[in-house]
Amino acid sequence: MKAKSIKGRTRDEIQIALRQSMNDGFKPTLAIVFLSVSQDRKAVCKVLSDVGIKIFGATTNGEFIDECGRCQWPVCSRMLSWGGR
């Protein structure tokens, strides 16, 4: 199994991050998505499902803060791929 995380503030940022994460041949099959209720859930789900990723999701009680402690992310996704893809 291989795993990668992506994050973004908008549907477009998620789509760009997803494409970049797949540049090396990574083909995720499942995404565990943490999504702020202020985000367009259907649009983010469509980005993932359009490339065949199954979605397991949850809402959050706030935004995610990255390692620097400054940046807040309304969408964070951990993507998994079985079989080394």
Protein backbone atom coordinates (compact mmCIF):
# COMPACT_ATOMS: atom_id res chain seq x y z
CA MET A 1 0.00 0.00 0.00
CA LYS A 2 1.16 3.50 -0.83
CA ALA A 3 -0.32 6.66 0.69
CA LYS A 4 -0.11 10.38 -0.02
CA SER A 5 -1.82 13.45 1.39
CA ILE A 6 -3.14 16.46 -0.48
CA LYS A 7 -4.70 19.67 0.77
CA GLY A 8 -6.29 22.78 -0.65
CA ARG A 9 -8.62 25.66 -0.08
CA THR A 10 -10.76 25.24 -3.20
CA ARG A 11 -11.94 22.55 -5.60
CA ASP A 12 -9.38 23.78 -8.14
CA GLU A 13 -6.53 23.59 -5.61
CA ILE A 14 -7.56 20.01 -4.76
CA GLN A 15 -7.69 19.10 -8.44
CA ILE A 16 -4.19 20.51 -9.03
CA ALA A 17 -2.79 18.78 -5.93
CA LEU A 18 -4.36 15.49 -7.02
CA ARG A 19 -2.82 15.72 -10.49
CA GLN A 20 0.59 16.56 -9.01
CA SER A 21 0.39 13.63 -6.59
CA MET A 22 -0.32 11.28 -9.50
CA ASN A 23 2.56 12.53 -11.72
CA ASP A 24 4.82 9.68 -10.58
CA GLY A 25 2.29 6.98 -11.50
CA PHE A 26 0.51 6.92 -8.13
CA LYS A 27 -3.06 5.72 -8.69
CA PRO A 28 -5.09 6.15 -5.50
CA THR A 29 -8.17 4.00 -5.05
CA LEU A 30 -9.47 5.37 -1.73
CA ALA A 31 -9.45 8.85 -0.19
CA ILE A 32 -10.17 9.61 3.44
CA VAL A 33 -11.40 13.18 3.17
CA PHE A 34 -11.73 15.68 6.02
CA LEU A 35 -13.80 18.58 4.77
CA SER A 36 -14.94 21.80 6.35
CA VAL A 37 -18.70 22.29 6.20
CA SER A 38 -18.00 25.62 4.47
CA GLN A 39 -16.61 23.80 1.40
CA ASP A 40 -18.45 22.51 -1.65
CA ARG A 41 -18.57 18.83 -0.71
CA LYS A 42 -20.09 17.71 -4.01
CA ALA A 43 -17.44 19.50 -6.09
CA VAL A 44 -14.55 18.01 -4.09
CA CYS A 45 -16.12 14.54 -4.26
CA LYS A 46 -16.52 14.90 -8.03
CA VAL A 47 -12.81 15.73 -8.45
CA LEU A 48 -11.90 12.49 -6.69
CA SER A 49 -14.59 10.26 -8.14
CA ASP A 50 -13.85 11.44 -11.70
CA VAL A 51 -10.51 9.60 -11.48
CA GLY A 52 -12.03 6.50 -9.87
CA ILE A 53 -11.21 7.23 -6.23
CA LYS A 54 -13.67 5.90 -3.63
CA ILE A 55 -14.35 8.41 -0.87
CA PHE A 56 -14.66 8.04 2.89
CA GLY A 57 -15.39 11.40 4.43
CA ALA A 58 -15.92 13.40 7.56
CA THR A 59 -16.65 17.01 8.37
CA THR A 60 -14.48 19.02 10.74
CA ASN A 61 -15.16 21.44 13.55
CA GLY A 62 -12.61 23.85 12.11
CA GLU A 63 -9.76 24.09 9.66
CA PHE A 64 -6.57 22.02 9.52
CA ILE A 65 -3.35 23.73 10.53
CA ASP A 66 -0.18 22.62 8.76
CA GLU A 67 3.22 21.90 10.29
CA CYS A 68 4.19 25.58 10.40
CA GLY A 69 1.13 26.31 12.52
CA ARG A 70 0.08 29.21 10.30
CA CYS A 71 -1.72 27.89 7.24
CA GLN A 72 -5.28 26.70 7.52
CA TRP A 73 -6.71 24.16 5.08
CA PRO A 74 -10.45 23.57 4.73
CA VAL A 75 -9.89 20.32 2.80
CA CYS A 76 -7.37 17.61 3.63
CA SER A 77 -7.28 14.18 2.03
CA ARG A 78 -5.18 11.08 2.68
CA MET A 79 -5.20 8.93 -0.44
CA LEU A 80 -4.39 5.22 -0.46
CA SER A 81 -3.42 2.82 -3.21
CA TRP A 82 -3.13 -0.94 -2.92
CA GLY A 83 -0.80 -3.04 -5.04
CA GLY A 84 2.03 -0.51 -5.20
CA ARG A 85 0.39 1.74 -7.78
